[in-house]
Amino acid sequence: MKAILGPKDRLSFTDIERAWEANRESEDQDPGGGFEQFDEWLNARVMIIQRRIELLGESYPFEFSDDDTALRFKGDAEIADGEAVYLLCLFLSVARDTSVFIDPIPITPWIRDAFQACSGWAAAGSIDGSSYVFGWPRVDGSDFQVALHDVFVTLMADGEIVPHSNAPAGSAGREKDAGIDVIAWKERIDKSSGKLNLFGQVASGANWRDKPISPYIDALQKNWLASPWIIPPQPAMFIPFSIVPLFGATYREQVRYFSAMYGSIFYREILPAYAARGLLLERSGSIFCHRSNELPRLIAREKAFIKVLRRTQDYS
C-alpha cells in the first residue's frame, strides 16, 4: 500500500530498512517480534510478493523495479479487471492498519458491497460458469423469494432446483439472503440436472472465521426448496485478506485446513485472478456474470480514492 502513496509510486527497500532499524531501536526487537536481521526479514517479504506475482499475474498491480531495489505500483492508468479487485481487497485488508495509514480509512457499506460483487465475479471464474450476487441488499431490491425464483428458475432454467411458492411455517417473513451471498453454476450442455453449483459466503470483516456457510446451505434446502439440487453445492468462502500460514505450516497446508471448515476459500492472492477470468468469460458471451457492469464505477472510485489518500496521508 505504501508503494501507492510513496514518491513516484514506489517504495524503496532502503526506506524500508531505515524504518525497520528505527523501529527496532525503539522497541529493542525487530518489527516481527524477534531479533532477526533485516535481510532475513526482507527476504521473507520478497518471497511473499514473488508468490503474489506468480499466482496473480496481470491481476497484481505491483512489480519490482528494473533494478530490484523497490516495489513499484504500476499506476492508476493500469487499473483494470483483476487489478481493481486486488486493490479493493488491499483497501479492506489494511484500512485499520495505523502502520500503513496515519488516519484509519472508514469502511463504507459501498466498499463491502463492491467486494460482494467482486466475489461473484470470482465465483464465476473459478468454475467457468455463471454467477449471481445474492447477498442483501440486492441491487434490484428484490425480496428473498423473488430472488430465489430469479436465480433457480429464470437464470438456471433447467428445472432442477425449484423454490416453494410460499415461505415455510416458522419463518419470520423477513428473510434477506439466508446466509448465502454468492451463487454460481456451470450449465450442462444437455441442460439437464446434475450441474455444478457453488454457494459462497462473503466476509469482508476480520471475523470471517465465524461464518462457515455449510449450515446455511443445508437450511436453505430443507426450508425453502420444493425440488432441491441433485448434487450438493460446493461451499465457498470469499475474503479480501491474505492467508497467513500458522505455526510453520505451508500455504497449501493452511488452505487445506481452512477448506475443511469453509469449503473452497478465495483470498487476496487468488480471488482477483478468478474475478478477472469471470469478467473475461462474461465479455465473451459464454456466461452470465451478475453486476459485471459495475466494474467501470469501481475503477473510477478507486482512482479517486487513491488521489484523496495521496493528498491526506502526509508521510513527510
C-alpha atoms as a PDB file:
ATOM      1  CA  MET A   1       0.000   0.000   0.000  1.00  0.00           C
ATOM      2  CA  LYS A   2       2.837   2.381   0.790  1.00  0.00           C
ATOM      3  CA  ALA A   3       4.111   1.904  -2.765  1.00  0.00           C
ATOM      4  CA  ILE A   4       0.899   3.592  -3.963  1.00  0.00           C
ATOM      5  CA  LEU A   5       1.343   6.504  -1.571  1.00  0.00           C
ATOM      6  CA  GLY A   6       5.118   6.836  -1.886  1.00  0.00           C
ATOM      7  CA  PRO A   7       7.079   9.161  -4.175  1.00  0.00           C
ATOM      8  CA  LYS A   8       6.888   8.091  -7.829  1.00  0.00           C
ATOM      9  CA  ASP A   9       4.538   5.205  -6.931  1.00  0.00           C
ATOM     10  CA  ARG A  10       7.320   3.203  -5.347  1.00  0.00           C
ATOM     11  CA  LEU A  11       8.635   2.019  -2.009  1.00  0.00           C
ATOM     12  CA  SER A  12      12.375   1.511  -1.906  1.00  0.00           C
ATOM     13  CA  PHE A  13      13.908  -1.281   0.135  1.00  0.00           C
ATOM     14  CA  THR A  14      16.357   1.283   1.540  1.00  0.00           C
ATOM     15  CA  ASP A  15      13.469   3.261   3.029  1.00  0.00           C
ATOM     16  CA  ILE A  16      12.044   0.050   4.458  1.00  0.00           C
ATOM     17  CA  GLU A  17      15.392  -0.713   6.100  1.00  0.00           C
ATOM     18  CA  ARG A  18      15.575   2.748   7.689  1.00  0.00           C
ATOM     19  CA  ALA A  19      12.077   2.361   9.133  1.00  0.00           C
ATOM     20  CA  TRP A  20      12.869  -1.164  10.288  1.00  0.00           C
ATOM     21  CA  GLU A  21      16.032  -0.062  12.090  1.00  0.00           C
ATOM     22  CA  ALA A  22      14.258   2.893  13.723  1.00  0.00           C
ATOM     23  CA  ASN A  23      11.508   0.621  14.968  1.00  0.00           C
ATOM     24  CA  ARG A  24      13.987  -1.930  16.230  1.00  0.00           C
ATOM     25  CA  GLU A  25      15.972   0.675  18.176  1.00  0.00           C
ATOM     26  CA  SER A  26      12.824   1.998  19.820  1.00  0.00           C
ATOM     27  CA  GLU A  27      11.443  -1.420  20.766  1.00  0.00           C
ATOM     28  CA  ASP A  28      14.632  -3.480  21.273  1.00  0.00           C
ATOM     29  CA  GLN A  29      13.386  -6.023  18.778  1.00  0.00           C
ATOM     30  CA  ASP A  30      12.562  -6.278  15.094  1.00  0.00           C
ATOM     31  CA  PRO A  31       9.098  -5.437  13.700  1.00  0.00           C
ATOM     32  CA  GLY A  32       8.251  -9.112  13.556  1.00  0.00           C
ATOM     33  CA  GLY A  33       8.680  -9.505  17.299  1.00  0.00           C
ATOM     34  CA  GLY A  34      12.024 -11.330  17.272  1.00  0.00           C
ATOM     35  CA  PHE A  35      15.665 -10.496  16.737  1.00  0.00           C
ATOM     36  CA  GLU A  36      16.262 -11.437  13.104  1.00  0.00           C
ATOM     37  CA  GLN A  37      18.438  -9.402  10.782  1.00  0.00           C
ATOM     38  CA  PHE A  38      16.883  -7.044   8.248  1.00  0.00           C
ATOM     39  CA  ASP A  39      17.977  -9.126   5.246  1.00  0.00           C
ATOM     40  CA  GLU A  40      16.177 -12.171   6.641  1.00  0.00           C
ATOM     41  CA  TRP A  41      13.060 -10.131   7.342  1.00  0.00           C
ATOM     42  CA  LEU A  42      13.098  -8.504   3.880  1.00  0.00           C
ATOM     43  CA  ASN A  43      13.765 -11.772   2.043  1.00  0.00           C
ATOM     44  CA  ALA A  44      10.678 -13.302   3.642  1.00  0.00           C
ATOM     45  CA  ARG A  45       8.557 -10.386   2.405  1.00  0.00           C
ATOM     46  CA  VAL A  46      10.087 -10.501  -1.065  1.00  0.00           C
ATOM     47  CA  MET A  47       9.141 -14.178  -1.276  1.00  0.00           C
ATOM     48  CA  ILE A  48       5.544 -13.262  -0.395  1.00  0.00           C
ATOM     49  CA  ILE A  49       5.489 -10.641  -3.153  1.00  0.00           C
ATOM     50  CA  GLN A  50       7.033 -13.058  -5.634  1.00  0.00           C
ATOM     51  CA  ARG A  51       4.330 -15.605  -4.807  1.00  0.00           C
ATOM     52  CA  ARG A  52       1.652 -12.996  -5.459  1.00  0.00           C
ATOM     53  CA  ILE A  53       3.199 -12.143  -8.813  1.00  0.00           C
ATOM     54  CA  GLU A  54       3.238 -15.823  -9.784  1.00  0.00           C
ATOM     55  CA  LEU A  55      -0.342 -16.514  -8.660  1.00  0.00           C
ATOM     56  CA  LEU A  56      -1.998 -13.314  -9.834  1.00  0.00           C
ATOM     57  CA  GLY A  57      -0.072 -12.449 -12.991  1.00  0.00           C
ATOM     58  CA  GLU A  58      -1.611  -9.369 -14.605  1.00  0.00           C
ATOM     59  CA  SER A  59      -4.089  -9.055 -11.734  1.00  0.00           C
ATOM     60  CA  TYR A  60      -1.299  -7.932  -9.375  1.00  0.00           C
ATOM     61  CA  PRO A  61      -0.935  -4.125  -9.580  1.00  0.00           C
ATOM     62  CA  PHE A  62       2.642  -4.043  -8.282  1.00  0.00           C
ATOM     63  CA  GLU A  63       6.018  -5.070  -9.670  1.00  0.00           C
ATOM     64  CA  PHE A  64       9.673  -4.954  -8.739  1.00  0.00           C
ATOM     65  CA  SER A  65      11.638  -2.037 -10.141  1.00  0.00           C
ATOM     66  CA  ASP A  66      14.024  -2.747 -13.009  1.00  0.00           C
ATOM     67  CA  ASP A  67      16.994  -2.727 -10.632  1.00  0.00           C
ATOM     68  CA  ASP A  68      15.128  -4.764  -7.964  1.00  0.00           C
ATOM     69  CA  THR A  69      15.648  -2.061  -5.332  1.00  0.00           C
ATOM     70  CA  ALA A  70      11.990  -1.138  -4.859  1.00  0.00           C
ATOM     71  CA  LEU A  71       8.398  -2.289  -5.141  1.00  0.00           C
ATOM     72  CA  ARG A  72       6.521  -0.216  -7.685  1.00  0.00           C
ATOM     73  CA  PHE A  73       2.816   0.460  -8.210  1.00  0.00           C
ATOM     74  CA  LYS A  74       2.044   0.033 -11.903  1.00  0.00           C
ATOM     75  CA  GLY A  75      -0.005   3.230 -11.845  1.00  0.00           C
ATOM     76  CA  ASP A  76      -3.576   4.452 -11.994  1.00  0.00           C
ATOM     77  CA  ALA A  77      -3.734   4.008 -15.771  1.00  0.00           C
ATOM     78  CA  GLU A  78      -3.104   0.263 -15.404  1.00  0.00           C
ATOM     79  CA  ILE A  79      -6.079  -0.405 -13.119  1.00  0.00           C
ATOM     80  CA  ALA A  80      -8.413  -2.875 -14.841  1.00  0.00           C
ATOM     81  CA  ASP A  81     -10.289  -6.087 -14.063  1.00  0.00           C
ATOM     82  CA  GLY A  82      -8.129  -8.107 -11.668  1.00  0.00           C
ATOM     83  CA  GLU A  83      -6.003  -5.139 -10.594  1.00  0.00           C
ATOM     84  CA  ALA A  84      -9.141  -3.281  -9.499  1.00  0.00           C
ATOM     85  CA  VAL A  85     -10.313  -6.284  -7.497  1.00  0.00           C
ATOM     86  CA  TYR A  86      -6.895  -6.675  -5.869  1.00  0.00           C
ATOM     87  CA  LEU A  87      -6.821  -3.018  -4.828  1.00  0.00           C
ATOM     88  CA  LEU A  88     -10.258  -3.356  -3.249  1.00  0.00           C
ATOM     89  CA  CYS A  89      -9.034  -6.405  -1.313  1.00  0.00           C
ATOM     90  CA  LEU A  90      -5.971  -4.441  -0.249  1.00  0.00           C
ATOM     91  CA  PHE A  91      -8.000  -1.451   0.940  1.00  0.00           C
ATOM     92  CA  LEU A  92     -10.233  -3.724   3.019  1.00  0.00           C
ATOM     93  CA  SER A  93      -7.234  -5.567   4.467  1.00  0.00           C
ATOM     94  CA  VAL A  94      -5.264  -2.541   5.672  1.00  0.00           C
ATOM     95  CA  ALA A  95      -7.948   0.100   6.262  1.00  0.00           C
ATOM     96  CA  ARG A  96      -7.479  -0.004  10.040  1.00  0.00           C
ATOM     97  CA  ASP A  97      -3.705  -0.509   9.986  1.00  0.00           C
ATOM     98  CA  THR A  98      -2.037   2.524  11.591  1.00  0.00           C
ATOM     99  CA  SER A  99       1.369   1.313  10.416  1.00  0.00           C
ATOM    100  CA  VAL A 100       0.140   1.965   6.869  1.00  0.00           C
ATOM    101  CA  PHE A 101      -2.209   4.922   7.287  1.00  0.00           C
ATOM    102  CA  ILE A 102      -1.798   7.923   9.529  1.00  0.00           C
ATOM    103  CA  ASP A 103      -5.586   8.069   9.794  1.00  0.00           C
ATOM    104  CA  PRO A 104      -7.618   4.831   9.538  1.00  0.00           C
ATOM    105  CA  ILE A 105      -9.813   4.526   6.445  1.00  0.00           C
ATOM    106  CA  PRO A 106     -13.549   4.163   7.064  1.00  0.00           C
ATOM    107  CA  ILE A 107     -15.005   1.012   5.523  1.00  0.00           C
ATOM    108  CA  THR A 108     -18.289   2.107   3.988  1.00  0.00           C
ATOM    109  CA  PRO A 109     -21.263  -0.073   3.044  1.00  0.00           C
ATOM    110  CA  TRP A 110     -20.433   0.633  -0.611  1.00  0.00           C
ATOM    111  CA  ILE A 111     -16.930  -0.838  -0.211  1.00  0.00           C
ATOM    112  CA  ARG A 112     -18.303  -4.001   1.381  1.00  0.00           C
ATOM    113  CA  ASP A 113     -20.977  -4.313  -1.303  1.00  0.00           C
ATOM    114  CA  ALA A 114     -18.397  -3.804  -4.053  1.00  0.00           C
ATOM    115  CA  PHE A 115     -16.371  -6.681  -2.614  1.00  0.00           C
ATOM    116  CA  GLN A 116     -19.500  -8.825  -2.702  1.00  0.00           C
ATOM    117  CA  ALA A 117     -19.830  -8.085  -6.423  1.00  0.00           C
ATOM    118  CA  CYS A 118     -16.149  -8.914  -6.971  1.00  0.00           C
ATOM    119  CA  SER A 119     -16.670 -12.204  -5.153  1.00  0.00           C
ATOM    120  CA  GLY A 120     -19.474 -13.032  -7.567  1.00  0.00           C
ATOM    121  CA  TRP A 121     -17.126 -12.452 -10.495  1.00  0.00           C
ATOM    122  CA  ALA A 122     -14.526 -14.696  -8.845  1.00  0.00           C
ATOM    123  CA  ALA A 123     -17.093 -17.429  -8.249  1.00  0.00           C
ATOM    124  CA  ALA A 124     -17.916 -17.399 -11.964  1.00  0.00           C
ATOM    125  CA  GLY A 125     -14.257 -17.518 -12.929  1.00  0.00           C
ATOM    126  CA  SER A 126     -13.481 -20.362 -10.546  1.00  0.00           C
ATOM    127  CA  ILE A 127     -15.907 -22.775 -12.221  1.00  0.00           C
ATOM    128  CA  ASP A 128     -16.101 -21.193 -15.697  1.00  0.00           C
ATOM    129  CA  GLY A 129     -19.795 -20.722 -15.068  1.00  0.00           C
ATOM    130  CA  SER A 130     -22.417 -18.082 -14.393  1.00  0.00           C
ATOM    131  CA  SER A 131     -22.894 -16.252 -11.101  1.00  0.00           C
ATOM    132  CA  TYR A 132     -25.404 -14.146  -9.195  1.00  0.00           C
ATOM    133  CA  VAL A 133     -24.703 -11.816  -6.267  1.00  0.00           C
ATOM    134  CA  PHE A 134     -27.427 -12.938  -3.884  1.00  0.00           C
ATOM    135  CA  GLY A 135     -26.392 -11.185  -0.660  1.00  0.00           C
ATOM    136  CA  TRP A 136     -28.537  -8.487   0.886  1.00  0.00           C
ATOM    137  CA  PRO A 137     -29.103  -5.731  -0.004  1.00  0.00           C
ATOM    138  CA  ARG A 138     -29.525  -6.834  -3.619  1.00  0.00           C
ATOM    139  CA  VAL A 139     -29.070  -4.141  -6.241  1.00  0.00           C
ATOM    140  CA  ASP A 140     -32.589  -4.592  -7.626  1.00  0.00           C
ATOM    141  CA  GLY A 141     -34.135  -4.550  -4.150  1.00  0.00           C
ATOM    142  CA  SER A 142     -35.864  -7.893  -4.747  1.00  0.00           C
ATOM    143  CA  ASP A 143     -37.198  -9.781  -1.748  1.00  0.00           C
ATOM    144  CA  PHE A 144     -35.901 -13.213  -0.831  1.00  0.00           C
ATOM    145  CA  GLN A 145     -38.425 -15.442  -2.584  1.00  0.00           C
ATOM    146  CA  VAL A 146     -38.391 -13.348  -5.749  1.00  0.00           C
ATOM    147  CA  ALA A 147     -34.588 -13.609  -5.821  1.00  0.00           C
ATOM    148  CA  LEU A 148     -34.750 -17.384  -5.316  1.00  0.00           C
ATOM    149  CA  HIS A 149     -37.079 -17.670  -8.319  1.00  0.00           C
ATOM    150  CA  ASP A 150     -34.898 -15.358 -10.421  1.00  0.00           C
ATOM    151  CA  VAL A 151     -31.787 -17.479  -9.825  1.00  0.00           C
ATOM    152  CA  PHE A 152     -33.075 -21.047  -9.708  1.00  0.00           C
ATOM    153  CA  VAL A 153     -35.924 -20.825 -12.224  1.00  0.00           C
ATOM    154  CA  THR A 154     -35.255 -17.918 -14.590  1.00  0.00           C
ATOM    155  CA  LEU A 155     -31.449 -17.869 -14.815  1.00  0.00           C
ATOM    156  CA  MET A 156     -30.604 -21.557 -14.373  1.00  0.00           C
ATOM    157  CA  ALA A 157     -33.634 -22.521 -16.486  1.00  0.00           C
ATOM    158  CA  ASP A 158     -33.078 -26.271 -16.291  1.00  0.00           C
ATOM    159  CA  GLY A 159     -35.876 -27.174 -13.876  1.00  0.00           C
ATOM    160  CA  GLU A 160     -33.572 -28.851 -11.375  1.00  0.00           C
ATOM    161  CA  ILE A 161     -33.999 -26.532  -8.380  1.00  0.00           C
ATOM    162  CA  VAL A 162     -37.496 -25.238  -7.632  1.00  0.00           C
ATOM    163  CA  PRO A 163     -38.312 -22.973  -4.640  1.00  0.00           C
ATOM    164  CA  HIS A 164     -41.500 -23.304  -2.601  1.00  0.00           C
ATOM    165  CA  SER A 165     -44.252 -20.894  -3.601  1.00  0.00           C
ATOM    166  CA  ASN A 166     -44.761 -19.781  -0.003  1.00  0.00           C
ATOM    167  CA  ALA A 167     -42.487 -19.123   2.946  1.00  0.00           C
ATOM    168  CA  PRO A 168     -42.170 -22.105   5.314  1.00  0.00           C
ATOM    169  CA  ALA A 169     -44.032 -22.151   8.615  1.00  0.00           C
ATOM    170  CA  GLY A 170     -41.879 -20.694  11.347  1.00  0.00           C
ATOM    171  CA  SER A 171     -40.002 -18.213   9.183  1.00  0.00           C
ATOM    172  CA  ALA A 172     -40.021 -14.595  10.299  1.00  0.00           C
ATOM    173  CA  GLY A 173     -41.190 -13.411   6.891  1.00  0.00           C
ATOM    174  CA  ARG A 174     -38.264 -11.024   6.599  1.00  0.00           C
ATOM    175  CA  GLU A 175     -35.615 -13.331   5.159  1.00  0.00           C
ATOM    176  CA  LYS A 176     -32.850 -11.391   3.400  1.00  0.00           C
ATOM    177  CA  ASP A 177     -30.355 -13.874   1.923  1.00  0.00           C
ATOM    178  CA  ALA A 178     -30.414 -16.879   4.307  1.00  0.00           C
ATOM    179  CA  GLY A 179     -26.654 -16.580   4.755  1.00  0.00           C
ATOM    180  CA  ILE A 180     -25.946 -17.083   1.036  1.00  0.00           C
ATOM    181  CA  ASP A 181     -24.060 -14.203  -0.615  1.00  0.00           C
ATOM    182  CA  VAL A 182     -22.973 -15.663  -3.964  1.00  0.00           C
ATOM    183  CA  ILE A 183     -24.440 -18.396  -6.158  1.00  0.00           C
ATOM    184  CA  ALA A 184     -22.579 -19.772  -9.180  1.00  0.00           C
ATOM    185  CA  TRP A 185     -23.391 -22.628 -11.519  1.00  0.00           C
ATOM    186  CA  LYS A 186     -21.859 -24.370 -14.517  1.00  0.00           C
ATOM    187  CA  GLU A 187     -24.546 -25.140 -17.049  1.00  0.00           C
ATOM    188  CA  ARG A 188     -24.536 -28.588 -18.641  1.00  0.00           C
ATOM    189  CA  ILE A 189     -24.573 -28.721 -22.418  1.00  0.00           C
ATOM    190  CA  ASP A 190     -27.633 -31.011 -22.295  1.00  0.00           C
ATOM    191  CA  LYS A 191     -29.463 -28.551 -19.968  1.00  0.00           C
ATOM    192  CA  SER A 192     -30.264 -31.399 -17.571  1.00  0.00           C
ATOM    193  CA  SER A 193     -29.885 -31.849 -13.819  1.00  0.00           C
ATOM    194  CA  GLY A 194     -26.599 -32.606 -12.103  1.00  0.00           C
ATOM    195  CA  LYS A 195     -24.758 -29.361 -12.808  1.00  0.00           C
ATOM    196  CA  LEU A 196     -22.063 -27.955 -10.531  1.00  0.00           C
ATOM    197  CA  ASN A 197     -23.373 -25.348  -8.079  1.00  0.00           C
ATOM    198  CA  LEU A 198     -21.261 -23.157  -5.811  1.00  0.00           C
ATOM    199  CA  PHE A 199     -22.738 -21.296  -2.836  1.00  0.00           C
ATOM    200  CA  GLY A 200     -20.493 -18.727  -1.197  1.00  0.00           C
ATOM    201  CA  GLN A 201     -20.297 -16.621   1.935  1.00  0.00           C
ATOM    202  CA  VAL A 202     -18.618 -13.212   1.517  1.00  0.00           C
ATOM    203  CA  ALA A 203     -16.835 -11.961   4.630  1.00  0.00           C
ATOM    204  CA  SER A 204     -15.066  -8.617   4.411  1.00  0.00           C
ATOM    205  CA  GLY A 205     -14.508  -8.284   8.168  1.00  0.00           C
ATOM    206  CA  ALA A 206     -11.911  -9.805  10.457  1.00  0.00           C
ATOM    207  CA  ASN A 207     -14.499 -12.190  11.942  1.00  0.00           C
ATOM    208  CA  TRP A 208     -14.708 -14.296   8.768  1.00  0.00           C
ATOM    209  CA  ARG A 209     -13.726 -17.436  10.699  1.00  0.00           C
ATOM    210  CA  ASP A 210     -17.102 -17.239  12.448  1.00  0.00           C
ATOM    211  CA  LYS A 211     -19.053 -17.587   9.196  1.00  0.00           C
ATOM    212  CA  PRO A 212     -18.997 -21.118   7.735  1.00  0.00           C
ATOM    213  CA  ILE A 213     -21.669 -21.458   5.067  1.00  0.00           C
ATOM    214  CA  SER A 214     -22.488 -25.185   5.189  1.00  0.00           C
ATOM    215  CA  PRO A 215     -25.269 -24.848   7.830  1.00  0.00           C
ATOM    216  CA  TYR A 216     -26.960 -22.171   5.700  1.00  0.00           C
ATOM    217  CA  ILE A 217     -26.849 -24.366   2.595  1.00  0.00           C
ATOM    218  CA  ASP A 218     -28.474 -27.229   4.495  1.00  0.00           C
ATOM    219  CA  ALA A 219     -31.182 -24.959   5.927  1.00  0.00           C
ATOM    220  CA  LEU A 220     -31.938 -23.446   2.512  1.00  0.00           C
ATOM    221  CA  GLN A 221     -32.517 -26.887   1.040  1.00  0.00           C
ATOM    222  CA  LYS A 222     -34.760 -28.082   3.870  1.00  0.00           C
ATOM    223  CA  ASN A 223     -36.823 -24.925   4.329  1.00  0.00           C
ATOM    224  CA  TRP A 224     -37.110 -23.139   1.006  1.00  0.00           C
ATOM    225  CA  LEU A 225     -36.836 -25.628  -1.865  1.00  0.00           C
ATOM    226  CA  ALA A 226     -39.629 -27.844  -3.172  1.00  0.00           C
ATOM    227  CA  SER A 227     -37.188 -29.569  -5.514  1.00  0.00           C
ATOM    228  CA  PRO A 228     -33.570 -29.343  -4.298  1.00  0.00           C
ATOM    229  CA  TRP A 229     -30.333 -29.879  -6.161  1.00  0.00           C
ATOM    230  CA  ILE A 230     -29.324 -33.371  -7.271  1.00  0.00           C
ATOM    231  CA  ILE A 231     -25.656 -32.876  -6.408  1.00  0.00           C
ATOM    232  CA  PRO A 232     -24.821 -30.933  -3.204  1.00  0.00           C
ATOM    233  CA  PRO A 233     -23.456 -27.433  -3.864  1.00  0.00           C
ATOM    234  CA  GLN A 234     -19.802 -26.679  -3.343  1.00  0.00           C
ATOM    235  CA  PRO A 235     -19.429 -24.417  -0.268  1.00  0.00           C
ATOM    236  CA  ALA A 236     -17.062 -21.469  -0.584  1.00  0.00           C
ATOM    237  CA  MET A 237     -15.695 -18.537   1.400  1.00  0.00           C
ATOM    238  CA  PHE A 238     -14.588 -15.226  -0.137  1.00  0.00           C
ATOM    239  CA  ILE A 239     -12.324 -12.948   1.912  1.00  0.00           C
ATOM    240  CA  PRO A 240     -10.193  -9.908   0.967  1.00  0.00           C
ATOM    241  CA  PHE A 241      -7.359 -10.925   3.274  1.00  0.00           C
ATOM    242  CA  SER A 242      -4.180 -12.901   2.734  1.00  0.00           C
ATOM    243  CA  ILE A 243      -3.859 -16.407   4.119  1.00  0.00           C
ATOM    244  CA  VAL A 244      -1.008 -16.462   6.633  1.00  0.00           C
ATOM    245  CA  PRO A 245       0.308 -19.949   7.466  1.00  0.00           C
ATOM    246  CA  LEU A 246       0.276 -20.682  11.200  1.00  0.00           C
ATOM    247  CA  PHE A 247       2.887 -22.457  13.317  1.00  0.00           C
ATOM    248  CA  GLY A 248       5.202 -23.424  10.473  1.00  0.00           C
ATOM    249  CA  ALA A 249       2.510 -24.737   8.121  1.00  0.00           C
ATOM    250  CA  THR A 250       2.931 -24.301   4.374  1.00  0.00           C
ATOM    251  CA  TYR A 251       0.446 -22.261   2.341  1.00  0.00           C
ATOM    252  CA  ARG A 252      -1.068 -25.437   0.928  1.00  0.00           C
ATOM    253  CA  GLU A 253      -1.445 -26.959   4.375  1.00  0.00           C
ATOM    254  CA  GLN A 254      -3.099 -23.828   5.743  1.00  0.00           C
ATOM    255  CA  VAL A 255      -5.531 -23.546   2.827  1.00  0.00           C
ATOM    256  CA  ARG A 256      -6.367 -27.239   3.187  1.00  0.00           C
ATOM    257  CA  TYR A 257      -7.102 -26.752   6.888  1.00  0.00           C
ATOM    258  CA  PHE A 258      -9.427 -23.807   6.273  1.00  0.00           C
ATOM    259  CA  SER A 259     -11.100 -25.569   3.329  1.00  0.00           C
ATOM    260  CA  ALA A 260     -12.215 -28.376   5.639  1.00  0.00           C
ATOM    261  CA  MET A 261     -14.271 -25.813   7.580  1.00  0.00           C
ATOM    262  CA  TYR A 262     -15.312 -23.269   4.967  1.00  0.00           C
ATOM    263  CA  GLY A 263     -15.189 -25.053   1.616  1.00  0.00           C
ATOM    264  CA  SER A 264     -13.206 -23.594  -1.272  1.00  0.00           C
ATOM    265  CA  ILE A 265     -11.571 -20.480   0.116  1.00  0.00           C
ATOM    266  CA  PHE A 266     -10.830 -17.495  -2.112  1.00  0.00           C
ATOM    267  CA  TYR A 267      -8.408 -14.981  -0.636  1.00  0.00           C
ATOM    268  CA  ARG A 268      -6.388 -11.965  -1.756  1.00  0.00           C
ATOM    269  CA  GLU A 269      -3.688 -13.937  -3.561  1.00  0.00           C
ATOM    270  CA  ILE A 270      -6.123 -15.765  -5.863  1.00  0.00           C
ATOM    271  CA  LEU A 271      -9.544 -14.068  -5.793  1.00  0.00           C
ATOM    272  CA  PRO A 272      -8.612 -11.208  -8.184  1.00  0.00           C
ATOM    273  CA  ALA A 273      -7.312 -13.608 -10.845  1.00  0.00           C
ATOM    274  CA  TYR A 274     -10.515 -15.637 -10.711  1.00  0.00           C
ATOM    275  CA  ALA A 275     -12.563 -12.430 -10.881  1.00  0.00           C
ATOM    276  CA  ALA A 276     -10.635 -11.339 -13.972  1.00  0.00           C
ATOM    277  CA  ARG A 277     -11.403 -14.697 -15.587  1.00  0.00           C
ATOM    278  CA  GLY A 278     -15.093 -14.381 -14.748  1.00  0.00           C
ATOM    279  CA  LEU A 279     -15.234 -10.931 -16.333  1.00  0.00           C
ATOM    280  CA  LEU A 280     -13.406 -12.193 -19.428  1.00  0.00           C
ATOM    281  CA  LEU A 281     -15.834 -15.089 -19.856  1.00  0.00           C
ATOM    282  CA  GLU A 282     -18.783 -12.732 -19.442  1.00  0.00           C
ATOM    283  CA  ARG A 283     -17.446 -10.468 -22.192  1.00  0.00           C
ATOM    284  CA  SER A 284     -17.141 -13.473 -24.484  1.00  0.00           C
ATOM    285  CA  GLY A 285     -20.851 -14.127 -24.022  1.00  0.00           C
ATOM    286  CA  SER A 286     -20.327 -17.643 -22.690  1.00  0.00           C
ATOM    287  CA  ILE A 287     -21.608 -16.979 -19.145  1.00  0.00           C
ATOM    288  CA  PHE A 288     -23.758 -14.591 -17.114  1.00  0.00           C
ATOM    289  CA  CYS A 289     -21.727 -12.613 -14.573  1.00  0.00           C
ATOM    290  CA  HIS A 290     -24.073 -10.565 -12.403  1.00  0.00           C
ATOM    291  CA  ARG A 291     -23.099  -6.925 -11.757  1.00  0.00           C
ATOM    292  CA  SER A 292     -20.149  -7.010 -14.165  1.00  0.00           C
ATOM    293  CA  ASN A 293     -21.378  -3.644 -15.442  1.00  0.00           C
ATOM    294  CA  GLU A 294     -20.231  -2.104 -12.145  1.00  0.00           C
ATOM    295  CA  LEU A 295     -16.514  -2.556 -12.926  1.00  0.00           C
ATOM    296  CA  PRO A 296     -16.029   0.915 -14.514  1.00  0.00           C
ATOM    297  CA  ARG A 297     -17.539   2.556 -11.438  1.00  0.00           C
ATOM    298  CA  LEU A 298     -15.261   0.531  -9.163  1.00  0.00           C
ATOM    299  CA  ILE A 299     -12.181   1.611 -11.115  1.00  0.00           C
ATOM    300  CA  ALA A 300     -13.246   5.267 -11.156  1.00  0.00           C
ATOM    301  CA  ARG A 301     -13.865   5.292  -7.424  1.00  0.00           C
ATOM    302  CA  GLU A 302     -10.544   3.599  -6.706  1.00  0.00           C
ATOM    303  CA  LYS A 303      -8.660   6.182  -8.747  1.00  0.00           C
ATOM    304  CA  ALA A 304     -10.444   8.997  -6.920  1.00  0.00           C
ATOM    305  CA  PHE A 305      -9.777   7.285  -3.594  1.00  0.00           C
ATOM    306  CA  ILE A 306      -6.054   6.985  -4.319  1.00  0.00           C
ATOM    307  CA  LYS A 307      -5.890  10.692  -5.131  1.00  0.00           C
ATOM    308  CA  VAL A 308      -7.525  11.531  -1.809  1.00  0.00           C
ATOM    309  CA  LEU A 309      -5.143   9.236   0.067  1.00  0.00           C
ATOM    310  CA  ARG A 310      -2.106  10.819  -1.541  1.00  0.00           C
ATOM    311  CA  ARG A 311      -3.357  14.237  -0.527  1.00  0.00           C
ATOM    312  CA  THR A 312      -4.389  13.414   3.041  1.00  0.00           C
ATOM    313  CA  GLN A 313      -1.904  10.751   4.151  1.00  0.00           C
ATOM    314  CA  ASP A 314       1.105  13.008   4.619  1.00  0.00           C
ATOM    315  CA  TYR A 315       4.259  10.979   5.289  1.00  0.00           C
ATOM    316  CA  SER A 316       6.633  13.947   5.200  1.00  0.00           C
END
